C-alpha atoms as a PDB file:
ATOM      1  CA  MET A   1      -2.823 -28.305  17.050  1.00  0.00           C
ATOM      2  CA  ALA A   2      -3.187 -24.620  15.933  1.00  0.00           C
ATOM      3  CA  SER A   3       0.346 -24.392  14.804  1.00  0.00           C
ATOM      4  CA  ALA A   4       0.118 -27.831  13.289  1.00  0.00           C
ATOM      5  CA  GLY A   5      -2.629 -26.125  11.294  1.00  0.00           C
ATOM      6  CA  LYS A   6      -0.814 -23.036  10.294  1.00  0.00           C
ATOM      7  CA  ASN A   7       1.588 -25.107   9.042  1.00  0.00           C
ATOM      8  CA  GLY A   8      -0.010 -27.207   6.939  1.00  0.00           C
ATOM      9  CA  LEU A   9      -1.686 -24.593   5.434  1.00  0.00           C
ATOM     10  CA  MET A  10       1.234 -22.955   4.794  1.00  0.00           C
ATOM     11  CA  ALA A  11       2.740 -26.245   2.754  1.00  0.00           C
ATOM     12  CA  GLN A  12      -0.378 -26.168   0.407  1.00  0.00           C
ATOM     13  CA  LEU A  13      -0.815 -22.445  -0.508  1.00  0.00           C
ATOM     14  CA  PRO A  14      -0.110 -22.079  -3.704  1.00  0.00           C
ATOM     15  CA  ARG A  15       2.962 -21.245  -5.111  1.00  0.00           C
ATOM     16  CA  THR A  16       1.600 -18.027  -7.155  1.00  0.00           C
ATOM     17  CA  THR A  17      -0.044 -16.868  -3.755  1.00  0.00           C
ATOM     18  CA  LEU A  18       3.668 -17.260  -2.412  1.00  0.00           C
ATOM     19  CA  ARG A  19       5.004 -15.548  -5.026  1.00  0.00           C
ATOM     20  CA  ASP A  20       2.634 -12.290  -5.177  1.00  0.00           C
ATOM     21  CA  ALA A  21       2.942 -11.966  -1.510  1.00  0.00           C
ATOM     22  CA  LEU A  22       6.790 -12.208  -1.541  1.00  0.00           C
ATOM     23  CA  SER A  23       7.438 -10.100  -4.690  1.00  0.00           C
ATOM     24  CA  VAL A  24       4.650  -7.506  -3.854  1.00  0.00           C
ATOM     25  CA  SER A  25       6.179  -7.201  -0.177  1.00  0.00           C
ATOM     26  CA  LEU A  26      10.035  -6.688  -1.593  1.00  0.00           C
ATOM     27  CA  THR A  27       9.527  -4.489  -4.208  1.00  0.00           C
ATOM     28  CA  VAL A  28       6.851  -2.365  -2.257  1.00  0.00           C
ATOM     29  CA  GLY A  29       9.051  -2.201   0.747  1.00  0.00           C
ATOM     30  CA  ALA A  30      12.174  -1.300  -0.996  1.00  0.00           C
ATOM     31  CA  TYR A  31      10.561   2.048  -1.728  1.00  0.00           C
ATOM     32  CA  GLY A  32      11.027   2.588   1.934  1.00  0.00           C
ATOM     33  CA  VAL A  33      14.707   3.574   0.880  1.00  0.00           C
ATOM     34  CA  ALA A  34      13.139   6.701  -1.004  1.00  0.00           C
ATOM     35  CA  PHE A  35      10.692   7.419   2.093  1.00  0.00           C
ATOM     36  CA  GLY A  36      14.161   7.382   4.654  1.00  0.00           C
ATOM     37  CA  ALA A  37      15.751   9.477   2.613  1.00  0.00           C
ATOM     38  CA  ALA A  38      13.059  11.902   1.458  1.00  0.00           C
ATOM     39  CA  SER A  39      12.584  12.364   5.479  1.00  0.00           C
ATOM     40  CA  VAL A  40      16.025  12.615   6.613  1.00  0.00           C
ATOM     41  CA  ALA A  41      16.328  15.294   3.640  1.00  0.00           C
ATOM     42  CA  ALA A  42      13.098  17.114   4.611  1.00  0.00           C
ATOM     43  CA  GLY A  43      14.533  17.644   8.180  1.00  0.00           C
ATOM     44  CA  PHE A  44      13.692  14.533  10.261  1.00  0.00           C
ATOM     45  CA  SER A  45      15.862  12.712  12.714  1.00  0.00           C
ATOM     46  CA  VAL A  46      16.848   9.004  11.715  1.00  0.00           C
ATOM     47  CA  LEU A  47      14.736   7.709  14.362  1.00  0.00           C
ATOM     48  CA  GLN A  48      12.109  10.151  13.818  1.00  0.00           C
ATOM     49  CA  SER A  49      11.886   8.812  10.048  1.00  0.00           C
ATOM     50  CA  CYS A  50      11.810   4.787  11.524  1.00  0.00           C
ATOM     51  CA  LEU A  51       9.014   5.444  13.822  1.00  0.00           C
ATOM     52  CA  PHE A  52       7.097   7.071  11.406  1.00  0.00           C
ATOM     53  CA  SER A  53       7.113   3.777   9.368  1.00  0.00           C
ATOM     54  CA  LEU A  54       6.811   1.771  12.732  1.00  0.00           C
ATOM     55  CA  LEU A  55       3.641   3.004  14.139  1.00  0.00           C
ATOM     56  CA  THR A  56       1.936   5.067  10.874  1.00  0.00           C
ATOM     57  CA  PHE A  57       3.254   2.355   7.402  1.00  0.00           C
ATOM     58  CA  THR A  58       1.019   4.091   5.324  1.00  0.00           C
ATOM     59  CA  GLY A  59       3.004   4.947   2.466  1.00  0.00           C
ATOM     60  CA  ALA A  60       1.249   7.824   0.809  1.00  0.00           C
ATOM     61  CA  SER A  61       0.474   9.201   3.832  1.00  0.00           C
ATOM     62  CA  GLN A  62       3.936   9.464   5.317  1.00  0.00           C
ATOM     63  CA  PHE A  63       4.918  11.009   1.754  1.00  0.00           C
ATOM     64  CA  ALA A  64       2.504  14.029   1.587  1.00  0.00           C
ATOM     65  CA  ALA A  65       3.347  14.547   5.563  1.00  0.00           C
ATOM     66  CA  VAL A  66       7.144  14.845   4.778  1.00  0.00           C
ATOM     67  CA  GLY A  67       6.400  16.839   1.538  1.00  0.00           C
ATOM     68  CA  VAL A  68       4.226  19.339   3.113  1.00  0.00           C
ATOM     69  CA  VAL A  69       7.030  19.661   5.792  1.00  0.00           C
ATOM     70  CA  ALA A  70      10.009  19.356   3.516  1.00  0.00           C
ATOM     71  CA  SER A  71       8.340  22.691   1.386  1.00  0.00           C
ATOM     72  CA  GLY A  72       7.857  24.921   4.498  1.00  0.00           C
ATOM     73  CA  GLY A  73       4.176  23.485   5.258  1.00  0.00           C
ATOM     74  CA  ALA A  74       2.787  23.820   8.833  1.00  0.00           C
ATOM     75  CA  PRO A  75       2.645  20.145  10.808  1.00  0.00           C
ATOM     76  CA  ILE A  76      -0.713  20.951  10.798  1.00  0.00           C
ATOM     77  CA  SER A  77      -1.367  20.736   6.992  1.00  0.00           C
ATOM     78  CA  ALA A  78       1.288  17.848   6.936  1.00  0.00           C
ATOM     79  CA  ILE A  79      -1.311  15.747   9.371  1.00  0.00           C
ATOM     80  CA  ALA A  80      -4.343  17.067   7.256  1.00  0.00           C
ATOM     81  CA  ALA A  81      -2.414  15.877   4.142  1.00  0.00           C
ATOM     82  CA  ALA A  82      -1.851  12.438   5.616  1.00  0.00           C
ATOM     83  CA  THR A  83      -5.140  12.170   6.963  1.00  0.00           C
ATOM     84  CA  VAL A  84      -7.293  12.675   3.380  1.00  0.00           C
ATOM     85  CA  LEU A  85      -4.735   9.913   2.255  1.00  0.00           C
ATOM     86  CA  GLY A  86      -5.058   7.263   5.077  1.00  0.00           C
ATOM     87  CA  THR A  87      -8.909   7.550   4.665  1.00  0.00           C
ATOM     88  CA  ARG A  88      -9.015   4.303   1.931  1.00  0.00           C
ATOM     89  CA  ASN A  89      -7.073   2.183   4.116  1.00  0.00           C
ATOM     90  CA  ALA A  90     -10.605   2.482   6.452  1.00  0.00           C
ATOM     91  CA  LEU A  91     -12.563   1.092   3.500  1.00  0.00           C
ATOM     92  CA  TYR A  92     -10.328  -1.600   3.083  1.00  0.00           C
ATOM     93  CA  GLY A  93     -10.534  -2.425   6.513  1.00  0.00           C
ATOM     94  CA  ILE A  94     -14.646  -2.494   5.593  1.00  0.00           C
ATOM     95  CA  GLN A  95     -14.017  -4.696   2.803  1.00  0.00           C
ATOM     96  CA  MET A  96     -11.628  -6.867   4.692  1.00  0.00           C
ATOM     97  CA  ALA A  97     -12.838  -7.286   8.275  1.00  0.00           C
ATOM     98  CA  PRO A  98     -15.761  -9.871   7.648  1.00  0.00           C
ATOM     99  CA  LEU A  99     -12.911 -12.022   5.847  1.00  0.00           C
ATOM    100  CA  LEU A 100     -10.221 -11.851   8.261  1.00  0.00           C
ATOM    101  CA  HIS A 101     -12.904 -12.060  11.119  1.00  0.00           C
ATOM    102  CA  VAL A 102     -10.060 -11.875  14.133  1.00  0.00           C
ATOM    103  CA  ARG A 103     -10.517 -10.447  17.485  1.00  0.00           C
ATOM    104  CA  GLY A 104      -8.423  -9.102  20.421  1.00  0.00           C
ATOM    105  CA  LEU A 105      -4.907  -8.175  19.725  1.00  0.00           C
ATOM    106  CA  LYS A 106      -5.396 -10.067  16.332  1.00  0.00           C
ATOM    107  CA  ARG A 107      -7.314  -7.311  15.359  1.00  0.00           C
ATOM    108  CA  ILE A 108      -5.191  -4.471  16.177  1.00  0.00           C
ATOM    109  CA  ALA A 109      -2.164  -6.269  14.296  1.00  0.00           C
ATOM    110  CA  ALA A 110      -4.855  -6.847  11.116  1.00  0.00           C
ATOM    111  CA  ALA A 111      -5.697  -3.144  11.261  1.00  0.00           C
ATOM    112  CA  GLN A 112      -1.837  -1.941  11.368  1.00  0.00           C
ATOM    113  CA  LEU A 113      -1.258  -4.540   8.374  1.00  0.00           C
ATOM    114  CA  THR A 114      -4.312  -3.400   6.339  1.00  0.00           C
ATOM    115  CA  ILE A 115      -3.077  -1.551   3.386  1.00  0.00           C
ATOM    116  CA  ASP A 116      -3.104  -1.137  -0.670  1.00  0.00           C
ATOM    117  CA  GLU A 117      -1.001  -4.198  -0.719  1.00  0.00           C
ATOM    118  CA  SER A 118      -2.115  -6.841   1.213  1.00  0.00           C
ATOM    119  CA  THR A 119      -6.079  -6.063   0.386  1.00  0.00           C
ATOM    120  CA  ASN A 120      -4.928  -6.504  -3.366  1.00  0.00           C
ATOM    121  CA  VAL A 121      -2.946  -9.491  -2.945  1.00  0.00           C
ATOM    122  CA  ALA A 122      -5.620 -10.873  -0.633  1.00  0.00           C
ATOM    123  CA  LEU A 123      -8.316 -10.353  -3.180  1.00  0.00           C
ATOM    124  CA  ALA A 124      -6.519 -11.325  -6.141  1.00  0.00           C
ATOM    125  CA  GLN A 125      -6.431 -14.828  -4.582  1.00  0.00           C
ATOM    126  CA  ALA A 126     -10.641 -15.142  -4.316  1.00  0.00           C
ATOM    127  CA  PRO A 127     -10.595 -18.114  -6.487  1.00  0.00           C
ATOM    128  CA  ARG A 128      -8.590 -19.959  -4.477  1.00  0.00           C
ATOM    129  CA  GLY A 129     -10.936 -19.907  -1.450  1.00  0.00           C
ATOM    130  CA  VAL A 130     -11.162 -17.896   1.589  1.00  0.00           C
ATOM    131  CA  ALA A 131      -8.315 -19.665   3.391  1.00  0.00           C
ATOM    132  CA  VAL A 132      -5.681 -18.495   0.794  1.00  0.00           C
ATOM    133  CA  MET A 133      -7.028 -15.349   0.624  1.00  0.00           C
ATOM    134  CA  ARG A 134      -6.703 -14.520   4.323  1.00  0.00           C
ATOM    135  CA  ALA A 135      -3.239 -16.385   3.975  1.00  0.00           C
ATOM    136  CA  GLY A 136      -2.351 -13.790   0.784  1.00  0.00           C
ATOM    137  CA  PHE A 137      -3.165 -10.815   3.316  1.00  0.00           C
ATOM    138  CA  TRP A 138      -1.312 -11.815   6.381  1.00  0.00           C
ATOM    139  CA  LEU A 139       1.718 -12.771   4.250  1.00  0.00           C
ATOM    140  CA  THR A 140       1.735  -9.386   2.427  1.00  0.00           C
ATOM    141  CA  GLY A 141       1.078  -7.492   4.993  1.00  0.00           C
ATOM    142  CA  ALA A 142       3.756  -8.375   7.556  1.00  0.00           C
ATOM    143  CA  GLY A 143       6.303  -8.871   4.375  1.00  0.00           C
ATOM    144  CA  VAL A 144       5.611  -5.197   3.250  1.00  0.00           C
ATOM    145  CA  PHE A 145       5.714  -4.292   7.180  1.00  0.00           C
ATOM    146  CA  LEU A 146       9.167  -5.880   7.684  1.00  0.00           C
ATOM    147  CA  PHE A 147      10.623  -4.824   4.199  1.00  0.00           C
ATOM    148  CA  TRP A 148       9.149  -1.575   4.530  1.00  0.00           C
ATOM    149  CA  ASN A 149      10.976  -0.735   8.194  1.00  0.00           C
ATOM    150  CA  VAL A 150      14.241  -2.019   7.383  1.00  0.00           C
ATOM    151  CA  PHE A 151      14.630  -0.068   4.240  1.00  0.00           C
ATOM    152  CA  THR A 152      13.511   2.633   6.125  1.00  0.00           C
ATOM    153  CA  LEU A 153      16.424   2.844   8.123  1.00  0.00           C
ATOM    154  CA  ALA A 154      18.488   2.177   5.281  1.00  0.00           C
ATOM    155  CA  GLY A 155      17.323   5.057   3.335  1.00  0.00           C
ATOM    156  CA  ALA A 156      17.420   7.488   6.290  1.00  0.00           C
ATOM    157  CA  LEU A 157      20.971   6.306   7.152  1.00  0.00           C
ATOM    158  CA  GLY A 158      22.515   6.490   3.759  1.00  0.00           C
ATOM    159  CA  ALA A 159      20.047   9.494   2.458  1.00  0.00           C
ATOM    160  CA  LYS A 160      23.305  11.465   1.445  1.00  0.00           C
ATOM    161  CA  ALA A 161      24.672   8.712  -0.160  1.00  0.00           C
ATOM    162  CA  LEU A 162      21.861   7.731  -2.318  1.00  0.00           C
ATOM    163  CA  GLY A 163      21.295  10.821  -4.121  1.00  0.00           C
ATOM    164  CA  ASN A 164      17.857  10.999  -5.968  1.00  0.00           C
ATOM    165  CA  PRO A 165      15.590   7.989  -5.537  1.00  0.00           C
ATOM    166  CA  ALA A 166      13.860   8.299  -8.876  1.00  0.00           C
ATOM    167  CA  SER A 167      17.286   7.679 -10.498  1.00  0.00           C
ATOM    168  CA  TRP A 168      17.670   3.760  -8.874  1.00  0.00           C
ATOM    169  CA  GLY A 169      13.620   3.491 -10.422  1.00  0.00           C
ATOM    170  CA  LEU A 170      11.936   2.719  -7.414  1.00  0.00           C
ATOM    171  CA  ASP A 171       9.447   5.347  -8.196  1.00  0.00           C
ATOM    172  CA  ALA A 172       8.310   3.383 -10.969  1.00  0.00           C
ATOM    173  CA  ALA A 173       8.189  -0.257  -8.628  1.00  0.00           C
ATOM    174  CA  VAL A 174       5.174   0.296  -6.373  1.00  0.00           C
ATOM    175  CA  PRO A 175       2.948   1.386  -9.866  1.00  0.00           C
ATOM    176  CA  ALA A 176       4.701  -1.767 -11.312  1.00  0.00           C
ATOM    177  CA  ALA A 177       3.340  -4.082  -8.821  1.00  0.00           C
ATOM    178  CA  PHE A 178      -0.111  -2.222  -8.635  1.00  0.00           C
ATOM    179  CA  LEU A 179      -0.554  -3.071 -12.712  1.00  0.00           C
ATOM    180  CA  GLY A 180       0.915  -6.578 -11.933  1.00  0.00           C
ATOM    181  CA  LEU A 181      -2.023  -7.507  -9.624  1.00  0.00           C
ATOM    182  CA  LEU A 182      -4.609  -5.777 -10.823  1.00  0.00           C
ATOM    183  CA  TRP A 183      -4.797  -6.832 -14.516  1.00  0.00           C
ATOM    184  CA  PRO A 184      -5.787 -10.079 -14.322  1.00  0.00           C
ATOM    185  CA  ARG A 185      -9.332  -9.186 -12.528  1.00  0.00           C
ATOM    186  CA  LEU A 186      -9.780  -7.276 -15.488  1.00  0.00           C
ATOM    187  CA  ASP A 187     -11.845  -9.631 -17.571  1.00  0.00           C
ATOM    188  CA  THR A 188     -14.403  -8.517 -18.605  1.00  0.00           C
ATOM    189  CA  THR A 189     -15.607  -5.281 -20.745  1.00  0.00           C
ATOM    190  CA  PHE A 190     -16.980  -3.337 -18.440  1.00  0.00           C
ATOM    191  CA  LEU A 191     -13.966  -3.464 -15.875  1.00  0.00           C
ATOM    192  CA  ARG A 192     -11.421  -2.364 -18.510  1.00  0.00           C
ATOM    193  CA  LEU A 193     -13.855   0.377 -19.401  1.00  0.00           C
ATOM    194  CA  VAL A 194     -13.517   1.434 -15.264  1.00  0.00           C
ATOM    195  CA  ALA A 195     -10.026   1.050 -15.642  1.00  0.00           C
ATOM    196  CA  GLY A 196      -9.747   3.283 -18.310  1.00  0.00           C
ATOM    197  CA  ALA A 197     -11.709   5.819 -17.348  1.00  0.00           C
ATOM    198  CA  SER A 198     -10.333   6.229 -14.116  1.00  0.00           C
ATOM    199  CA  MET A 199      -6.552   6.289 -15.512  1.00  0.00           C
ATOM    200  CA  ALA A 200      -8.079   9.097 -17.987  1.00  0.00           C
ATOM    201  CA  PHE A 201      -9.574  10.856 -15.313  1.00  0.00           C
ATOM    202  CA  ALA A 202      -6.442  10.588 -12.791  1.00  0.00           C
ATOM    203  CA  LEU A 203      -3.924  11.720 -15.940  1.00  0.00           C
ATOM    204  CA  LEU A 204      -6.536  15.201 -16.607  1.00  0.00           C
ATOM    205  CA  ILE A 205      -6.540  16.064 -12.695  1.00  0.00           C
ATOM    206  CA  THR A 206      -3.297  15.640 -11.623  1.00  0.00           C
ATOM    207  CA  PRO A 207      -1.779  19.010 -12.420  1.00  0.00           C
ATOM    208  CA  TRP A 208      -4.575  20.587 -10.139  1.00  0.00           C
ATOM    209  CA  LEU A 209      -4.791  17.989  -6.546  1.00  0.00           C
ATOM    210  CA  PRO A 210      -1.664  17.599  -4.144  1.00  0.00           C
ATOM    211  CA  ALA A 211       0.183  14.224  -5.002  1.00  0.00           C
ATOM    212  CA  GLY A 212      -1.603  11.232  -3.897  1.00  0.00           C
ATOM    213  CA  LEU A 213      -5.376  12.400  -4.086  1.00  0.00           C
ATOM    214  CA  PRO A 214      -5.835  12.097  -8.106  1.00  0.00           C
ATOM    215  CA  ILE A 215      -6.113   8.200  -7.167  1.00  0.00           C
ATOM    216  CA  LEU A 216      -8.066   8.868  -4.638  1.00  0.00           C
ATOM    217  CA  ALA A 217     -10.616  10.955  -6.793  1.00  0.00           C
ATOM    218  CA  THR A 218     -10.876   7.774  -9.173  1.00  0.00           C
ATOM    219  CA  ALA A 219     -13.338   6.268  -6.942  1.00  0.00           C
ATOM    220  CA  LEU A 220     -15.499   8.688  -7.894  1.00  0.00           C
ATOM    221  CA  VAL A 221     -15.553   7.298 -11.439  1.00  0.00           C
ATOM    222  CA  ALA A 222     -15.517   3.459 -10.202  1.00  0.00           C
ATOM    223  CA  VAL A 223     -18.973   4.510  -8.032  1.00  0.00           C
ATOM    224  CA  ALA A 224     -20.135   6.288 -10.928  1.00  0.00           C
ATOM    225  CA  LEU A 225     -20.176   4.043 -13.357  1.00  0.00           C
ATOM    226  CA  GLY A 226     -21.126   1.383 -10.834  1.00  0.00           C
ATOM    227  CA  TRP A 227     -23.992   2.838 -10.193  1.00  0.00           C
ATOM    228  CA  ARG A 228     -24.816   3.361 -13.835  1.00  0.00           C
ATOM    229  CA  GLN A 229     -24.184   0.165 -15.109  1.00  0.00           C
ATOM    230  CA  ARG A 230     -26.521  -1.418 -11.873  1.00  0.00           C
END
């Protein structure tokens, strides 16, 4: 009966939800090629690179750790950088837990799949109801996990032949996917103001902070403007 219910929900999912989940999963997952190549170039083995994606599964943290190692940094510095960037997933978890309402092994799976993309797609489905939001979360999280790991392996195996990942345009794929999800949600003047101020702040502090941290720092802008509005 439970299986039939799930199949029924899948059949009733709006095309836009399926489109969002698949397009984000494939676009973001494909960037795993860049990580696999960067990881091997930094001295990690193919197996280590794949285990990194399989167990850690948070792109920004993975790139941060590999970047520190590649520049000659100590392992503890790599762990610290990855941990700082990974804290945002804890904030996503606080927001998603009441929505997903899962227990046991399913809760562990949900924690692993709670990333930027699954959270954003789920929240973007809010006008369609809680059931669709949950489906968006699981479809996107599982899709990114699958594609990210497959493409990590491909990038690690083909690291020498790939060259510079940026020349493939993969460095622009993730920001473009986020913009596509965010844009429809900027439906008020205040939200557009927050987005614009956050973007300007991130550009301003980028030269002085390590990669990835400027995006986290923009949360301060949202908090400040939100508090002032309230």
